[in-house]
């Protein structure tokens, strides 16, 4: 926890990412899985889910991810809408073929693209009476 706070403090004073944060961005772009990216970037597997979510909330990390994603889509001349349409078509094909696994995969990817798997703030703990 203290290491994370120190890392956050350094982040606010610098405009560049720390080495492990830069590695997290690299790894996150592989599969868009924050927990797995945190582990591959060298964070403990015991806290990877929390670290990944926290890193994605940091402005500098968000900017780095966005900047790195932009060139890929422009090189391919493909838009987010094109990707969504292709996934919807893949879902329809899988449904016609009665391939439940492929249907779930298409839905999962659509959910990711629509931001349904974005980290949410923890709900407040219920107060004790």
Protein backbone atom coordinates (compact mmCIF):
# COMPACT_ATOMS: atom_id res chain seq x y z
CA UNK A 1 0.00 0.00 0.00
CA UNK A 2 2.78 2.43 0.91
CA UNK A 3 4.64 1.57 -2.30
CA UNK A 4 1.50 2.32 -4.29
CA UNK A 5 1.10 5.71 -2.56
CA UNK A 6 4.72 6.58 -3.25
CA UNK A 7 4.26 5.58 -6.85
CA UNK A 8 1.11 7.73 -7.09
CA UNK A 9 2.91 10.72 -5.55
CA UNK A 10 5.78 10.38 -8.02
CA UNK A 11 3.26 10.13 -10.86
CA UNK A 12 1.64 13.42 -9.92
CA UNK A 13 5.02 15.19 -9.95
CA UNK A 14 6.12 13.72 -13.28
CA UNK A 15 4.54 13.77 -16.70
CA UNK A 16 6.10 10.43 -17.69
CA UNK A 17 5.29 6.94 -16.55
CA UNK A 18 7.44 4.96 -14.17
CA UNK A 19 9.07 1.90 -15.76
CA UNK A 20 6.61 -0.58 -14.25
CA UNK A 21 3.66 1.60 -15.25
CA UNK A 22 4.98 1.82 -18.81
CA UNK A 23 5.32 -1.97 -18.84
CA UNK A 24 1.72 -2.22 -17.57
CA UNK A 25 0.56 -0.09 -20.51
CA UNK A 26 2.48 -2.33 -22.93
CA UNK A 27 0.98 -5.46 -21.42
CA UNK A 28 -2.53 -4.00 -21.15
CA UNK A 29 -2.56 -3.32 -24.87
CA UNK A 30 -1.96 -7.01 -25.56
CA UNK A 31 -5.32 -8.23 -24.28
CA UNK A 32 -7.00 -5.34 -22.42
CA UNK A 33 -6.92 -7.40 -19.21
CA UNK A 34 -5.76 -5.12 -16.38
CA UNK A 35 -5.11 -7.87 -13.81
CA UNK A 36 -3.09 -10.02 -16.23
CA UNK A 37 -1.20 -6.95 -17.44
CA UNK A 38 -0.34 -6.02 -13.85
CA UNK A 39 1.09 -9.49 -13.23
CA UNK A 40 3.12 -9.42 -16.45
CA UNK A 41 4.37 -5.94 -15.54
CA UNK A 42 5.81 -7.30 -12.29
CA UNK A 43 3.10 -6.60 -9.72
CA UNK A 44 2.13 -9.31 -7.23
CA UNK A 45 -0.54 -11.73 -8.43
CA UNK A 46 -2.24 -11.42 -5.03
CA UNK A 47 -3.05 -7.76 -5.61
CA UNK A 48 -3.06 -7.64 -9.42
CA UNK A 49 -6.79 -7.04 -9.74
CA UNK A 50 -6.67 -4.00 -7.46
CA UNK A 51 -3.42 -2.64 -8.91
CA UNK A 52 -4.69 -3.02 -12.48
CA UNK A 53 -7.89 -1.14 -11.70
CA UNK A 54 -5.99 1.63 -9.89
CA UNK A 55 -3.49 2.03 -12.69
CA UNK A 56 -6.27 2.37 -15.26
CA UNK A 57 -7.78 5.19 -13.20
CA UNK A 58 -4.56 7.23 -13.29
CA UNK A 59 -4.66 10.04 -15.85
CA UNK A 60 -1.13 9.44 -17.13
CA UNK A 61 -1.78 5.73 -17.65
CA UNK A 62 -5.09 6.44 -19.41
CA UNK A 63 -3.38 8.95 -21.70
CA UNK A 64 -0.60 6.49 -22.51
CA UNK A 65 -3.10 3.74 -23.37
CA UNK A 66 -5.12 6.09 -25.58
CA UNK A 67 -2.03 7.41 -27.36
CA UNK A 68 -0.78 3.91 -28.04
CA UNK A 69 -4.16 2.69 -29.31
CA UNK A 70 -4.67 5.59 -31.72
CA UNK A 71 -1.95 4.70 -34.25
CA UNK A 72 -3.10 1.08 -34.53
CA UNK A 73 -6.61 1.98 -35.64
CA UNK A 74 -5.41 4.66 -38.06
CA UNK A 75 -2.85 2.29 -39.64
CA UNK A 76 -5.54 -0.31 -40.17
CA UNK A 77 -8.04 2.29 -41.39
CA UNK A 78 -10.63 0.76 -39.08
CA UNK A 79 -12.96 2.44 -36.64
CA UNK A 80 -14.49 1.29 -33.38
CA UNK A 81 -17.86 1.09 -35.15
CA UNK A 82 -16.35 -1.25 -37.75
CA UNK A 83 -15.14 -3.53 -34.95
CA UNK A 84 -18.52 -3.51 -33.22
CA UNK A 85 -20.31 -4.33 -36.49
CA UNK A 86 -17.90 -7.21 -37.16
CA UNK A 87 -18.46 -8.62 -33.67
CA UNK A 88 -22.23 -8.39 -34.06
CA UNK A 89 -21.93 -10.24 -37.37
CA UNK A 90 -19.72 -12.88 -35.70
CA UNK A 91 -22.35 -13.29 -32.98
CA UNK A 92 -25.08 -13.79 -35.60
CA UNK A 93 -23.00 -16.40 -37.44
CA UNK A 94 -22.26 -18.23 -34.17
CA UNK A 95 -25.94 -18.13 -33.22
CA UNK A 96 -26.97 -19.57 -36.59
CA UNK A 97 -24.39 -22.32 -36.13
CA UNK A 98 -25.61 -22.87 -32.55
CA UNK A 99 -22.08 -22.39 -31.27
CA UNK A 100 -22.58 -21.27 -27.68
CA UNK A 101 -18.87 -20.76 -26.98
CA UNK A 102 -18.42 -18.46 -29.97
CA UNK A 103 -21.58 -16.55 -29.02
CA UNK A 104 -20.26 -15.95 -25.50
CA UNK A 105 -16.88 -14.87 -26.88
CA UNK A 106 -18.51 -12.35 -29.23
CA UNK A 107 -20.68 -10.98 -26.41
CA UNK A 108 -17.64 -10.73 -24.10
CA UNK A 109 -15.68 -8.74 -26.69
CA UNK A 110 -18.66 -6.48 -27.39
CA UNK A 111 -19.00 -5.82 -23.67
CA UNK A 112 -15.32 -4.91 -23.45
CA UNK A 113 -15.61 -2.51 -26.37
CA UNK A 114 -18.70 -0.90 -24.88
CA UNK A 115 -16.91 -0.40 -21.57
CA UNK A 116 -19.08 -2.73 -19.50
CA UNK A 117 -15.97 -4.25 -17.91
CA UNK A 118 -14.47 -0.91 -16.90
CA UNK A 119 -13.45 -0.80 -13.26
CA UNK A 120 -16.17 0.64 -11.06
CA UNK A 121 -15.55 2.42 -7.79
CA UNK A 122 -16.20 0.21 -4.78
CA UNK A 123 -19.61 0.75 -3.26
CA UNK A 124 -19.59 2.36 0.16
CA UNK A 125 -19.57 -0.12 3.01
CA UNK A 126 -22.95 -0.39 4.69
CA UNK A 127 -23.08 1.45 7.96
CA UNK A 128 -23.55 -0.58 11.10
CA UNK A 129 -26.46 0.28 13.30
